C-alpha atoms as a PDB file:
ATOM      1  CA  UNK A   1     -28.094 -37.583  17.047  1.00  0.00           C
ATOM      2  CA  UNK A   2     -25.788 -38.356  14.240  1.00  0.00           C
ATOM      3  CA  UNK A   3     -28.713 -38.340  11.785  1.00  0.00           C
ATOM      4  CA  UNK A   4     -29.960 -34.944  13.000  1.00  0.00           C
ATOM      5  CA  UNK A   5     -26.475 -33.473  12.840  1.00  0.00           C
ATOM      6  CA  UNK A   6     -25.957 -34.546   9.229  1.00  0.00           C
ATOM      7  CA  UNK A   7     -29.390 -33.189   8.231  1.00  0.00           C
ATOM      8  CA  UNK A   8     -28.569 -29.833   9.776  1.00  0.00           C
ATOM      9  CA  UNK A   9     -25.213 -29.843   8.021  1.00  0.00           C
ATOM     10  CA  UNK A  10     -27.017 -30.519   4.715  1.00  0.00           C
ATOM     11  CA  UNK A  11     -29.281 -27.503   5.289  1.00  0.00           C
ATOM     12  CA  UNK A  12     -26.267 -25.289   5.977  1.00  0.00           C
ATOM     13  CA  UNK A  13     -24.601 -26.461   2.765  1.00  0.00           C
ATOM     14  CA  UNK A  14     -27.798 -25.725   0.799  1.00  0.00           C
ATOM     15  CA  UNK A  15     -27.933 -22.210   2.285  1.00  0.00           C
ATOM     16  CA  UNK A  16     -24.289 -21.625   1.360  1.00  0.00           C
ATOM     17  CA  UNK A  17     -24.935 -22.847  -2.204  1.00  0.00           C
ATOM     18  CA  UNK A  18     -27.981 -20.571  -2.545  1.00  0.00           C
ATOM     19  CA  UNK A  19     -26.006 -17.661  -1.140  1.00  0.00           C
ATOM     20  CA  UNK A  20     -23.146 -18.312  -3.572  1.00  0.00           C
ATOM     21  CA  UNK A  21     -25.614 -18.567  -6.481  1.00  0.00           C
ATOM     22  CA  UNK A  22     -27.252 -15.313  -5.394  1.00  0.00           C
ATOM     23  CA  UNK A  23     -23.826 -13.661  -5.199  1.00  0.00           C
ATOM     24  CA  UNK A  24     -22.961 -14.788  -8.725  1.00  0.00           C
ATOM     25  CA  UNK A  25     -26.310 -13.565 -10.009  1.00  0.00           C
ATOM     26  CA  UNK A  26     -25.799 -10.153  -8.391  1.00  0.00           C
ATOM     27  CA  UNK A  27     -22.299  -9.964  -9.887  1.00  0.00           C
ATOM     28  CA  UNK A  28     -23.595 -10.797 -13.373  1.00  0.00           C
ATOM     29  CA  UNK A  29     -26.405  -8.267 -13.017  1.00  0.00           C
ATOM     30  CA  UNK A  30     -23.906  -5.570 -12.000  1.00  0.00           C
ATOM     31  CA  UNK A  31     -21.634  -6.490 -14.896  1.00  0.00           C
ATOM     32  CA  UNK A  32     -24.573  -6.281 -17.309  1.00  0.00           C
ATOM     33  CA  UNK A  33     -25.444  -2.796 -16.017  1.00  0.00           C
ATOM     34  CA  UNK A  34     -21.842  -1.655 -16.514  1.00  0.00           C
ATOM     35  CA  UNK A  35     -21.774  -3.025 -20.081  1.00  0.00           C
ATOM     36  CA  UNK A  36     -25.036  -1.240 -20.910  1.00  0.00           C
ATOM     37  CA  UNK A  37     -23.657   2.017 -19.531  1.00  0.00           C
ATOM     38  CA  UNK A  38     -20.480   1.622 -21.614  1.00  0.00           C
ATOM     39  CA  UNK A  39     -22.484   0.909 -24.775  1.00  0.00           C
ATOM     40  CA  UNK A  40     -24.716   3.937 -24.141  1.00  0.00           C
ATOM     41  CA  UNK A  41     -21.646   6.135 -23.607  1.00  0.00           C
ATOM     42  CA  UNK A  42     -20.048   4.867 -26.833  1.00  0.00           C
ATOM     43  CA  UNK A  43     -23.178   5.628 -28.821  1.00  0.00           C
ATOM     44  CA  UNK A  44     -23.388   9.115 -27.337  1.00  0.00           C
ATOM     45  CA  UNK A  45     -19.685   9.680 -28.104  1.00  0.00           C
ATOM     46  CA  UNK A  46     -20.122   8.738 -31.763  1.00  0.00           C
ATOM     47  CA  UNK A  47     -23.304  10.693 -32.333  1.00  0.00           C
ATOM     48  CA  UNK A  48     -22.272  13.759 -30.315  1.00  0.00           C
ATOM     49  CA  UNK A  49     -19.582  14.451 -32.911  1.00  0.00           C
ATOM     50  CA  UNK A  50     -22.334  15.540 -35.274  1.00  0.00           C
ATOM     51  CA  UNK A  51     -25.854  16.873 -35.333  1.00  0.00           C
ATOM     52  CA  UNK A  52     -27.178  13.523 -36.511  1.00  0.00           C
ATOM     53  CA  UNK A  53     -30.930  13.140 -36.420  1.00  0.00           C
ATOM     54  CA  UNK A  54     -32.573   9.873 -35.535  1.00  0.00           C
ATOM     55  CA  UNK A  55     -35.204   8.157 -37.609  1.00  0.00           C
ATOM     56  CA  UNK A  56     -35.631  10.664 -40.417  1.00  0.00           C
ATOM     57  CA  UNK A  57     -37.797   9.353 -43.200  1.00  0.00           C
ATOM     58  CA  UNK A  58     -36.946   9.964 -46.863  1.00  0.00           C
ATOM     59  CA  UNK A  59     -39.265  12.967 -47.104  1.00  0.00           C
ATOM     60  CA  UNK A  60     -37.633  14.651 -44.084  1.00  0.00           C
ATOM     61  CA  UNK A  61     -34.153  13.987 -45.486  1.00  0.00           C
ATOM     62  CA  UNK A  62     -35.129  15.647 -48.771  1.00  0.00           C
ATOM     63  CA  UNK A  63     -36.581  18.647 -46.937  1.00  0.00           C
ATOM     64  CA  UNK A  64     -33.341  19.102 -44.967  1.00  0.00           C
ATOM     65  CA  UNK A  65     -31.244  19.061 -48.143  1.00  0.00           C
ATOM     66  CA  UNK A  66     -33.650  21.447 -49.859  1.00  0.00           C
ATOM     67  CA  UNK A  67     -33.602  23.858 -46.920  1.00  0.00           C
ATOM     68  CA  UNK A  68     -30.019  23.669 -45.671  1.00  0.00           C
ATOM     69  CA  UNK A  69     -28.048  22.017 -48.451  1.00  0.00           C
ATOM     70  CA  UNK A  70     -27.262  19.010 -46.288  1.00  0.00           C
ATOM     71  CA  UNK A  71     -28.679  16.424 -43.936  1.00  0.00           C
ATOM     72  CA  UNK A  72     -27.006  14.253 -41.307  1.00  0.00           C
ATOM     73  CA  UNK A  73     -28.742  11.216 -39.877  1.00  0.00           C
ATOM     74  CA  UNK A  74     -27.843   8.284 -37.641  1.00  0.00           C
ATOM     75  CA  UNK A  75     -26.846   4.818 -38.814  1.00  0.00           C
ATOM     76  CA  UNK A  76     -27.804   1.937 -36.533  1.00  0.00           C
ATOM     77  CA  UNK A  77     -27.327  -1.163 -38.702  1.00  0.00           C
ATOM     78  CA  UNK A  78     -25.261  -2.641 -41.510  1.00  0.00           C
ATOM     79  CA  UNK A  79     -28.236  -2.274 -43.862  1.00  0.00           C
ATOM     80  CA  UNK A  80     -28.467   1.477 -43.146  1.00  0.00           C
ATOM     81  CA  UNK A  81     -24.682   1.783 -43.558  1.00  0.00           C
ATOM     82  CA  UNK A  82     -24.778   0.064 -46.956  1.00  0.00           C
ATOM     83  CA  UNK A  83     -27.486   2.485 -48.134  1.00  0.00           C
ATOM     84  CA  UNK A  84     -25.383   5.571 -47.299  1.00  0.00           C
ATOM     85  CA  UNK A  85     -23.888   6.000 -50.776  1.00  0.00           C
ATOM     86  CA  UNK A  86     -23.800   8.452 -53.654  1.00  0.00           C
ATOM     87  CA  UNK A  87     -25.674   5.858 -55.731  1.00  0.00           C
ATOM     88  CA  UNK A  88     -28.662   6.300 -53.416  1.00  0.00           C
ATOM     89  CA  UNK A  89     -28.545   9.928 -52.287  1.00  0.00           C
ATOM     90  CA  UNK A  90     -27.022  11.608 -55.366  1.00  0.00           C
ATOM     91  CA  UNK A  91     -29.222   9.789 -57.852  1.00  0.00           C
ATOM     92  CA  UNK A  92     -31.739  11.576 -60.048  1.00  0.00           C
ATOM     93  CA  UNK A  93     -34.414   9.364 -58.540  1.00  0.00           C
ATOM     94  CA  UNK A  94     -33.769  10.688 -55.011  1.00  0.00           C
ATOM     95  CA  UNK A  95     -32.888  14.268 -55.976  1.00  0.00           C
ATOM     96  CA  UNK A  96     -35.865  14.761 -58.308  1.00  0.00           C
ATOM     97  CA  UNK A  97     -38.040  15.542 -55.274  1.00  0.00           C
ATOM     98  CA  UNK A  98     -35.359  17.653 -53.581  1.00  0.00           C
ATOM     99  CA  UNK A  99     -34.801  20.413 -56.118  1.00  0.00           C
ATOM    100  CA  UNK A 100     -33.891  21.198 -59.688  1.00  0.00           C
ATOM    101  CA  UNK A 101     -30.225  21.284 -60.543  1.00  0.00           C
ATOM    102  CA  UNK A 102     -28.848  24.817 -60.776  1.00  0.00           C
ATOM    103  CA  UNK A 103     -27.931  25.562 -64.383  1.00  0.00           C
ATOM    104  CA  UNK A 104     -24.789  27.305 -65.541  1.00  0.00           C
ATOM    105  CA  UNK A 105     -22.450  25.782 -62.958  1.00  0.00           C
ATOM    106  CA  UNK A 106     -19.007  24.684 -64.043  1.00  0.00           C
ATOM    107  CA  UNK A 107     -18.875  22.062 -61.316  1.00  0.00           C
ATOM    108  CA  UNK A 108     -21.820  20.509 -59.541  1.00  0.00           C
ATOM    109  CA  UNK A 109     -21.082  18.491 -56.446  1.00  0.00           C
ATOM    110  CA  UNK A 110     -23.044  15.952 -54.456  1.00  0.00           C
ATOM    111  CA  UNK A 111     -21.245  14.364 -51.493  1.00  0.00           C
ATOM    112  CA  UNK A 112     -22.048  11.515 -49.160  1.00  0.00           C
ATOM    113  CA  UNK A 113     -19.888  10.950 -46.109  1.00  0.00           C
ATOM    114  CA  UNK A 114     -20.298   7.843 -44.001  1.00  0.00           C
ATOM    115  CA  UNK A 115     -18.736   7.650 -40.563  1.00  0.00           C
ATOM    116  CA  UNK A 116     -19.000   4.293 -38.807  1.00  0.00           C
ATOM    117  CA  UNK A 117     -17.604   2.351 -35.936  1.00  0.00           C
ATOM    118  CA  UNK A 118     -17.965  -1.334 -35.161  1.00  0.00           C
ATOM    119  CA  UNK A 119     -16.574  -4.672 -36.203  1.00  0.00           C
ATOM    120  CA  UNK A 120     -14.344  -7.255 -34.590  1.00  0.00           C
ATOM    121  CA  UNK A 121     -12.028  -4.748 -32.946  1.00  0.00           C
ATOM    122  CA  UNK A 122     -14.657  -2.326 -31.638  1.00  0.00           C
ATOM    123  CA  UNK A 123     -16.489  -2.705 -28.353  1.00  0.00           C
ATOM    124  CA  UNK A 124     -19.927  -2.872 -29.973  1.00  0.00           C
ATOM    125  CA  UNK A 125     -18.922  -6.122 -31.642  1.00  0.00           C
ATOM    126  CA  UNK A 126     -18.748  -8.061 -34.854  1.00  0.00           C
ATOM    127  CA  UNK A 127     -21.552  -7.493 -37.337  1.00  0.00           C
ATOM    128  CA  UNK A 128     -22.723  -4.294 -35.624  1.00  0.00           C
ATOM    129  CA  UNK A 129     -22.181  -0.680 -36.611  1.00  0.00           C
ATOM    130  CA  UNK A 130     -23.218   2.741 -35.417  1.00  0.00           C
ATOM    131  CA  UNK A 131     -22.443   6.084 -36.939  1.00  0.00           C
ATOM    132  CA  UNK A 132     -23.903   8.696 -39.193  1.00  0.00           C
ATOM    133  CA  UNK A 133     -24.432   9.581 -42.832  1.00  0.00           C
ATOM    134  CA  UNK A 134     -24.034  13.122 -44.144  1.00  0.00           C
ATOM    135  CA  UNK A 135     -25.417  14.101 -47.552  1.00  0.00           C
ATOM    136  CA  UNK A 136     -24.432  17.486 -49.004  1.00  0.00           C
ATOM    137  CA  UNK A 137     -25.887  19.038 -52.146  1.00  0.00           C
ATOM    138  CA  UNK A 138     -25.801  22.824 -52.372  1.00  0.00           C
ATOM    139  CA  UNK A 139     -26.358  23.220 -56.101  1.00  0.00           C
ATOM    140  CA  UNK A 140     -30.129  23.552 -55.984  1.00  0.00           C
ATOM    141  CA  UNK A 141     -31.724  26.139 -58.224  1.00  0.00           C
ATOM    142  CA  UNK A 142     -32.592  29.215 -56.195  1.00  0.00           C
ATOM    143  CA  UNK A 143     -36.279  29.838 -55.714  1.00  0.00           C
ATOM    144  CA  UNK A 144     -37.569  33.056 -57.218  1.00  0.00           C
ATOM    145  CA  UNK A 145     -40.072  34.840 -55.051  1.00  0.00           C
ATOM    146  CA  UNK A 146     -42.684  37.022 -56.727  1.00  0.00           C
ATOM    147  CA  UNK A 147     -43.400  40.116 -54.645  1.00  0.00           C
ATOM    148  CA  UNK A 148     -46.703  41.389 -55.989  1.00  0.00           C
END
């Protein structure tokens, strides 16, 4: 009887261990879901501050500037953040396909604003950034429409 009793006790201990492991797994799964929800909320908070567009290609960015005088697009990585500069978006190389520079202006202005969050002290973590890039250039030569 002693042998049977200890075997049954061993089975009970195994069940308790499995139950405890299942409980920990459920806790970690719940925690993961909460962290994902927080990250999603943070991203929405950052991008809701602007009318940032996702995944615009270079051609679409140029069309936005040509049509509206500005474009705002999302930044999802350090590489994209580093490219959001006047050296890239206010260069002749980029702007040549946007429009011709309006002549006769005393001051011409091309602006690039970069708004980011991330890093060691932000909840998205070290080495990660999210945000948006806004390029403004309103000194395009006006199109002349022939009405014949």
